[in-house]
Amino acid sequence: MSRQRRSFSAKFKSNLVIELLKGEKDLNTLAAENSIQPKLLRNWKKEFLNNASVVFDDKREENLKEKLAEERKEKAEYAKKVGQLTMQVDWLKKNLKKFVDLTTRVSLVQNLLTTKEIPASVGARLLDINRLGRKTNVCTVKSPWLPGWAPQGKTLHE
């Protein structure tokens, strides 16, 4: 059966370190009284002393507030940009479907296979082209909405 790892609060750690620094009890005695390893108490003391200057740092809170304000501003800018780009993509999708015929849209997706600007599957989805698999013949669609239209030989994956 494995031992469960114990966790100690910051208050507990700091109280033990302060008691150790007072010098009333030595490290081994204090560790034994609290059922912890002396090495752990030594590490806590080292960390405590290394970070003691933070207590007297007046600019720490001011720096955190500035950083938080800057991050909020940056997040708002990103949200605005995402919204703007989403509107543009929606507009492009609507107008491409409305004003560009299927063969032109298929050739745009075929072009993506060579340029690799974006994945061809994403391009096909954006241009509202069915793309079921690698061997799918997109242009040979027979549809009641497109009577008599069925050019042969054009696929997305040539």
Protein backbone atom coordinates (compact mmCIF):
# COMPACT_ATOMS: atom_id res chain seq x y z
CA MET A 1 0.00 0.00 0.00
CA SER A 2 1.43 3.38 -0.99
CA ARG A 3 1.65 6.35 1.32
CA GLN A 4 -0.47 9.33 0.49
CA ARG A 5 1.43 12.54 -0.06
CA ARG A 6 0.77 15.14 2.62
CA SER A 7 0.35 18.81 1.88
CA PHE A 8 1.04 21.61 4.32
CA SER A 9 -0.48 25.07 4.39
CA ALA A 10 1.62 28.17 3.92
CA LYS A 11 0.69 29.26 7.46
CA PHE A 12 1.97 25.98 8.94
CA LYS A 13 5.23 26.19 7.01
CA SER A 14 5.88 29.82 7.94
CA ASN A 15 5.13 29.18 11.63
CA LEU A 16 7.63 26.31 11.73
CA VAL A 17 10.29 28.35 9.94
CA ILE A 18 9.81 31.32 12.28
CA GLU A 19 10.07 28.99 15.27
CA LEU A 20 13.26 27.55 13.77
CA LEU A 21 14.70 31.03 13.19
CA LYS A 22 14.00 32.02 16.80
CA GLY A 23 16.51 29.35 17.77
CA GLU A 24 14.57 27.96 20.73
CA LYS A 25 14.59 24.46 19.17
CA ASP A 26 17.00 22.92 16.73
CA LEU A 27 16.00 21.68 13.28
CA ASN A 28 15.87 17.94 14.12
CA THR A 29 13.78 18.45 17.25
CA LEU A 30 11.27 20.67 15.45
CA ALA A 31 11.03 18.22 12.55
CA ALA A 32 10.49 15.24 14.89
CA GLU A 33 7.79 17.09 16.88
CA ASN A 34 5.84 17.77 13.68
CA SER A 35 6.49 14.39 12.01
CA ILE A 36 8.30 15.81 8.98
CA GLN A 37 11.72 15.20 7.52
CA PRO A 38 14.50 17.63 8.56
CA LYS A 39 15.40 18.11 4.87
CA LEU A 40 11.86 19.35 4.18
CA LEU A 41 12.09 21.88 7.01
CA ARG A 42 15.53 22.97 5.74
CA ASN A 43 14.04 23.54 2.24
CA TRP A 44 11.16 25.57 3.70
CA LYS A 45 13.65 27.74 5.62
CA LYS A 46 15.72 28.32 2.49
CA GLU A 47 12.62 29.26 0.47
CA PHE A 48 11.38 31.53 3.25
CA LEU A 49 14.68 33.43 3.42
CA ASN A 50 14.98 33.70 -0.37
CA ASN A 51 11.51 35.23 -0.68
CA ALA A 52 11.62 37.47 2.39
CA SER A 53 12.42 40.58 0.32
CA VAL A 54 9.03 40.27 -1.43
CA VAL A 55 7.34 41.41 1.78
CA PHE A 56 9.04 44.81 1.52
CA ASP A 57 8.53 45.27 -2.22
CA ASP A 58 6.18 48.28 -2.55
CA LYS A 59 5.91 48.04 -6.32
CA ARG A 60 4.83 44.41 -6.37
CA GLU A 61 1.10 45.13 -6.06
CA GLU A 62 1.34 48.06 -8.45
CA ASN A 63 3.12 45.88 -11.02
CA LEU A 64 0.47 43.17 -10.68
CA LYS A 65 -2.33 45.68 -11.20
CA GLU A 66 -0.63 47.10 -14.29
CA LYS A 67 -0.04 43.64 -15.70
CA LEU A 68 -3.66 42.64 -15.05
CA ALA A 69 -4.97 45.80 -16.74
CA GLU A 70 -2.69 45.20 -19.73
CA GLU A 71 -3.85 41.58 -20.04
CA ARG A 72 -7.51 42.64 -19.88
CA LYS A 73 -6.94 45.22 -22.60
CA GLU A 74 -5.17 42.64 -24.77
CA LYS A 75 -7.97 40.13 -24.21
CA ALA A 76 -10.58 42.72 -25.23
CA GLU A 77 -8.61 43.49 -28.41
CA TYR A 78 -8.44 39.77 -29.26
CA ALA A 79 -12.17 39.36 -28.66
CA LYS A 80 -12.88 42.34 -30.92
CA LYS A 81 -10.62 40.92 -33.64
CA VAL A 82 -12.23 37.48 -33.39
CA GLY A 83 -15.67 39.03 -33.72
CA GLN A 84 -14.59 41.08 -36.72
CA LEU A 85 -12.99 38.09 -38.46
CA THR A 86 -16.04 35.93 -37.75
CA MET A 87 -18.30 38.49 -39.39
CA GLN A 88 -15.97 38.71 -42.42
CA VAL A 89 -15.83 34.93 -42.82
CA ASP A 90 -19.62 34.67 -42.58
CA TRP A 91 -20.03 37.40 -45.19
CA LEU A 92 -17.53 35.72 -47.53
CA LYS A 93 -19.15 32.31 -47.15
CA LYS A 94 -22.62 33.72 -47.88
CA ASN A 95 -21.49 35.66 -50.94
CA LEU A 96 -19.24 32.95 -52.35
CA LYS A 97 -22.10 30.47 -52.21
CA LYS A 98 -24.43 33.00 -53.80
CA PHE A 99 -22.24 34.37 -56.63
CA VAL A 100 -19.68 31.66 -57.45
CA ASP A 101 -20.66 28.45 -59.22
CA LEU A 102 -19.71 25.00 -57.93
CA THR A 103 -16.93 24.36 -60.47
CA THR A 104 -15.14 27.55 -59.43
CA ARG A 105 -15.47 26.64 -55.76
CA VAL A 106 -14.11 23.14 -56.48
CA SER A 107 -11.12 24.61 -58.33
CA LEU A 108 -10.45 26.89 -55.34
CA VAL A 109 -10.33 23.81 -53.09
CA GLN A 110 -8.11 21.97 -55.61
CA ASN A 111 -5.77 24.95 -55.49
CA LEU A 112 -5.60 24.57 -51.71
CA LEU A 113 -4.21 21.07 -52.19
CA THR A 114 -1.09 22.56 -53.75
CA THR A 115 -0.77 25.86 -51.87
CA LYS A 116 -1.62 24.36 -48.46
CA GLU A 117 -2.66 27.80 -47.16
CA ILE A 118 -5.37 26.08 -45.17
CA PRO A 119 -6.38 22.40 -45.15
CA ALA A 120 -8.47 21.47 -48.19
CA SER A 121 -11.13 19.97 -45.92
CA VAL A 122 -11.55 23.35 -44.22
CA GLY A 123 -11.75 25.10 -47.58
CA ALA A 124 -14.34 22.62 -48.81
CA ARG A 125 -16.43 23.13 -45.69
CA LEU A 126 -16.19 26.92 -45.95
CA LEU A 127 -17.22 26.82 -49.60
CA ASP A 128 -20.07 24.41 -48.87
CA ILE A 129 -18.71 21.54 -50.92
CA ASN A 130 -19.37 17.94 -49.86
CA ARG A 131 -16.08 16.25 -49.22
CA LEU A 132 -16.81 12.72 -48.08
CA GLY A 133 -13.47 11.06 -48.67
CA ARG A 134 -10.25 10.98 -50.65
CA LYS A 135 -11.80 9.44 -53.78
CA THR A 136 -15.07 11.38 -53.82
CA ASN A 137 -15.97 12.80 -57.18
CA VAL A 138 -17.39 16.16 -56.18
CA CYS A 139 -18.31 17.45 -59.62
CA THR A 140 -20.31 14.40 -60.65
CA VAL A 141 -23.15 15.25 -58.30
CA LYS A 142 -26.55 14.51 -59.74
CA SER A 143 -29.09 16.69 -58.06
CA PRO A 144 -32.71 17.57 -58.73
CA TRP A 145 -31.71 21.20 -58.21
CA LEU A 146 -29.06 21.03 -60.93
CA PRO A 147 -30.80 19.21 -63.82
CA GLY A 148 -28.51 17.98 -66.56
CA TRP A 149 -25.34 19.25 -64.85
CA ALA A 150 -22.77 16.53 -64.27
CA PRO A 151 -19.30 17.24 -65.75
CA GLN A 152 -16.97 14.26 -65.51
CA GLY A 153 -13.36 13.91 -64.41
CA LYS A 154 -13.01 16.69 -61.87
CA THR A 155 -12.30 15.67 -58.32
CA LEU A 156 -10.96 17.40 -55.26
CA HIS A 157 -7.98 15.04 -55.06
CA GLU A 158 -6.42 14.94 -58.49
